[in-house]
Protein backbone atom coordinates (compact mmCIF):
# COMPACT_ATOMS: atom_id res chain seq x y z
CA MET A 1 -1.35 -20.45 2.39
CA LYS A 2 -0.85 -17.33 4.56
CA ILE A 3 0.24 -14.03 3.08
CA SER A 4 3.41 -12.87 4.90
CA PRO A 5 5.72 -9.82 4.41
CA SER A 6 8.48 -12.14 2.82
CA LYS A 7 6.03 -13.77 0.46
CA LEU A 8 4.66 -10.13 -0.46
CA ASN A 9 8.35 -9.25 -1.40
CA THR A 10 8.70 -12.20 -3.48
CA PHE A 11 5.43 -11.20 -5.24
CA THR A 12 6.64 -7.75 -5.56
CA MET A 13 9.92 -9.18 -7.39
CA LEU A 14 7.91 -11.17 -9.96
CA LYS A 15 4.82 -9.28 -10.56
CA LEU A 16 5.86 -5.54 -9.86
CA PRO A 17 9.76 -5.47 -10.65
CA SER A 18 9.83 -1.56 -10.76
CA ALA A 19 8.73 -1.43 -7.04
CA TYR A 20 11.16 -4.17 -6.17
CA PHE A 21 13.96 -2.71 -7.96
CA CYS A 22 13.34 0.59 -6.64
CA GLY A 23 13.52 -0.92 -2.90
CA VAL A 24 9.88 -1.29 -1.98
CA ARG A 25 9.82 -3.84 0.81
CA THR A 26 6.93 -4.99 3.11
CA LYS A 27 7.95 -5.22 6.75
CA VAL A 28 4.69 -5.99 8.60
CA LEU A 29 1.13 -7.08 7.77
CA ASN A 30 -1.41 -7.94 10.17
CA GLU A 31 -5.17 -7.33 10.54
CA GLU A 32 -4.89 -3.95 11.22
CA GLN A 33 -1.74 -2.56 9.90
CA CYS A 34 0.62 -2.81 6.86
CA ILE A 35 4.23 -1.18 6.91
CA THR A 36 6.41 -0.94 3.90
CA THR A 37 9.51 0.96 3.42
CA VAL A 38 11.78 2.27 0.62
CA LYS A 39 15.15 3.61 0.94
CA HIS A 40 16.35 6.63 -1.02
CA ARG A 41 19.03 5.48 -3.68
CA TRP A 42 20.43 6.56 -6.91
CA ILE A 43 17.66 4.45 -8.70
CA ASN A 44 14.97 6.04 -7.38
CA GLN A 45 15.78 9.65 -6.73
CA ASN A 46 14.90 12.98 -8.74
CA PRO A 47 17.07 15.49 -9.93
CA PHE A 48 16.89 17.15 -6.38
CA LYS A 49 18.69 14.55 -4.73
CA SER A 50 15.36 13.10 -2.97
CA MET A 51 13.08 10.38 -3.53
CA PHE A 52 10.85 10.54 -6.78
CA TRP A 53 7.17 10.94 -6.01
CA ALA A 54 6.19 8.08 -7.84
CA VAL A 55 8.49 5.57 -5.72
CA GLN A 56 6.91 7.06 -2.71
CA GLY A 57 3.47 6.44 -4.23
CA MET A 58 4.44 2.85 -5.07
CA ALA A 59 5.51 1.89 -1.62
CA ALA A 60 2.32 4.02 -0.13
CA GLU A 61 -0.03 2.24 -2.44
CA PHE A 62 1.38 -1.28 -1.54
CA SER A 63 0.75 -0.71 2.13
CA THR A 64 -2.97 -0.11 1.19
CA GLY A 65 -3.09 -2.92 -1.56
CA ALA A 66 -1.22 -5.64 0.45
CA MET A 67 -3.77 -5.57 3.24
CA MET A 68 -6.47 -5.64 0.89
CA ILE A 69 -5.00 -8.83 -0.85
CA MET A 70 -4.66 -10.29 2.22
CA LYS A 71 -8.12 -9.73 3.49
CA ILE A 72 -9.73 -10.85 0.31
CA LYS A 73 -7.76 -14.14 0.30
CA ASP A 74 -8.92 -14.58 3.92
CA SER A 75 -12.36 -13.83 2.96
CA GLY A 76 -12.56 -17.08 0.63
CA LYS A 77 -14.47 -15.17 -1.95
CA LYS A 78 -13.48 -13.93 -5.54
CA ILE A 79 -13.32 -10.22 -5.17
CA SER A 80 -11.78 -7.76 -7.60
CA MET A 81 -9.96 -4.54 -6.41
CA LEU A 82 -8.94 -1.50 -8.04
CA VAL A 83 -7.64 1.99 -7.03
CA THR A 84 -10.17 4.58 -8.61
CA THR A 85 -8.69 7.73 -7.05
CA ASN A 86 -5.84 8.81 -5.36
CA ASN A 87 -3.97 12.25 -3.87
CA ALA A 88 -0.93 12.77 -1.96
CA THR A 89 0.66 15.59 0.11
CA PHE A 90 4.19 16.31 0.22
CA THR A 91 5.56 18.06 3.31
CA LYS A 92 9.44 17.44 3.64
CA LYS A 93 12.13 16.15 1.10
CA ALA A 94 12.12 12.30 1.23
CA THR A 95 15.64 10.93 2.06
CA GLY A 96 17.16 7.96 3.90
CA ARG A 97 14.61 5.12 4.49
CA ILE A 98 10.99 6.07 4.25
CA THR A 99 8.38 4.08 6.04
CA PHE A 100 4.64 3.90 4.93
CA VAL A 101 2.03 2.83 7.52
CA CYS A 102 -1.56 2.10 6.68
CA ASN A 103 -3.83 1.28 9.86
CA ASP A 104 -7.01 0.88 7.85
CA GLY A 105 -7.68 -2.82 8.35
CA LYS A 106 -10.89 -2.16 10.10
CA LYS A 107 -12.19 -0.02 6.92
CA VAL A 108 -11.26 -3.03 4.79
CA ASP A 109 -13.12 -5.44 6.97
CA GLU A 110 -16.32 -3.28 6.64
CA ALA A 111 -16.14 -2.83 2.91
CA LEU A 112 -15.54 -6.36 2.08
CA ALA A 113 -18.49 -7.64 4.54
CA GLU A 114 -21.05 -5.16 2.84
CA ALA A 115 -19.82 -6.05 -0.76
CA ILE A 116 -20.18 -9.80 0.21
CA LYS A 117 -23.53 -9.25 1.84
CA THR A 118 -25.04 -7.16 -0.83
CA GLY A 119 -23.32 -8.26 -4.01
CA LYS A 120 -22.62 -4.58 -4.67
CA GLY A 121 -19.40 -2.64 -5.44
CA GLN A 122 -18.09 -0.71 -2.36
CA THR A 123 -15.53 2.03 -2.26
CA LEU A 124 -13.37 3.09 0.67
CA TRP A 125 -10.44 5.53 1.18
CA MET A 126 -7.42 4.40 2.77
CA GLN A 127 -4.40 6.38 3.90
CA SER A 128 -0.85 5.70 4.15
CA VAL A 129 1.65 8.10 5.80
CA GLY A 130 5.49 8.12 5.08
CA THR A 131 7.98 9.08 7.74
CA ASN A 132 11.72 9.48 7.47
CA GLU A 133 13.97 7.89 9.92
CA GLY A 134 13.67 10.81 12.49
CA GLY A 135 9.88 10.22 12.51
CA VAL A 136 9.09 13.42 10.49
CA VAL A 137 6.13 12.83 7.90
CA VAL A 138 7.55 13.17 4.37
CA SER A 139 4.29 12.46 2.34
CA THR A 140 0.77 11.42 2.95
CA PHE A 141 -1.06 9.30 0.40
CA ASN A 142 -5.12 8.73 0.22
CA PHE A 143 -6.32 5.99 -2.26
CA GLU A 144 -10.18 5.29 -3.12
CA TRP A 145 -10.29 1.35 -3.56
CA SER A 146 -13.16 -0.06 -5.30
CA VAL A 147 -14.09 -3.72 -4.58
CA LYS A 148 -16.69 -5.98 -6.07
CA VAL A 149 -17.65 -9.64 -5.42
CA LYS A 150 -17.00 -11.50 -8.93
CA SER A 151 -20.05 -13.60 -10.32
């Protein structure tokens, strides 16, 4: 069964309810890119009337993790995945609909191929950039993922 944005949104509702109720949705998922969105609403705002940083983090992480999930499934191997480090930069108040884009599909392919080939754990950094409806960058998240073939 192929992973699609609609299946990921159902997965989010069932397995990550806080992300789902805050409005995190997957819009695009392909070999090179994953795009998630989240809209500023009452439930996900901070006292300064913008989106809480952790909600942005959920949408950003999901754009990297969904791609990882899809590629692991496509590999046909049992591979564990875990975020080991992350950092973020916030450059503008997040209001309206924020779109997070991760373009690191090739990095995931390389890390998974090496993990499968060597049997050793691999790490890779993935980036997700959040922009508002005007195309202005509001935040940039970096996640270090660890992948390892299960024995």
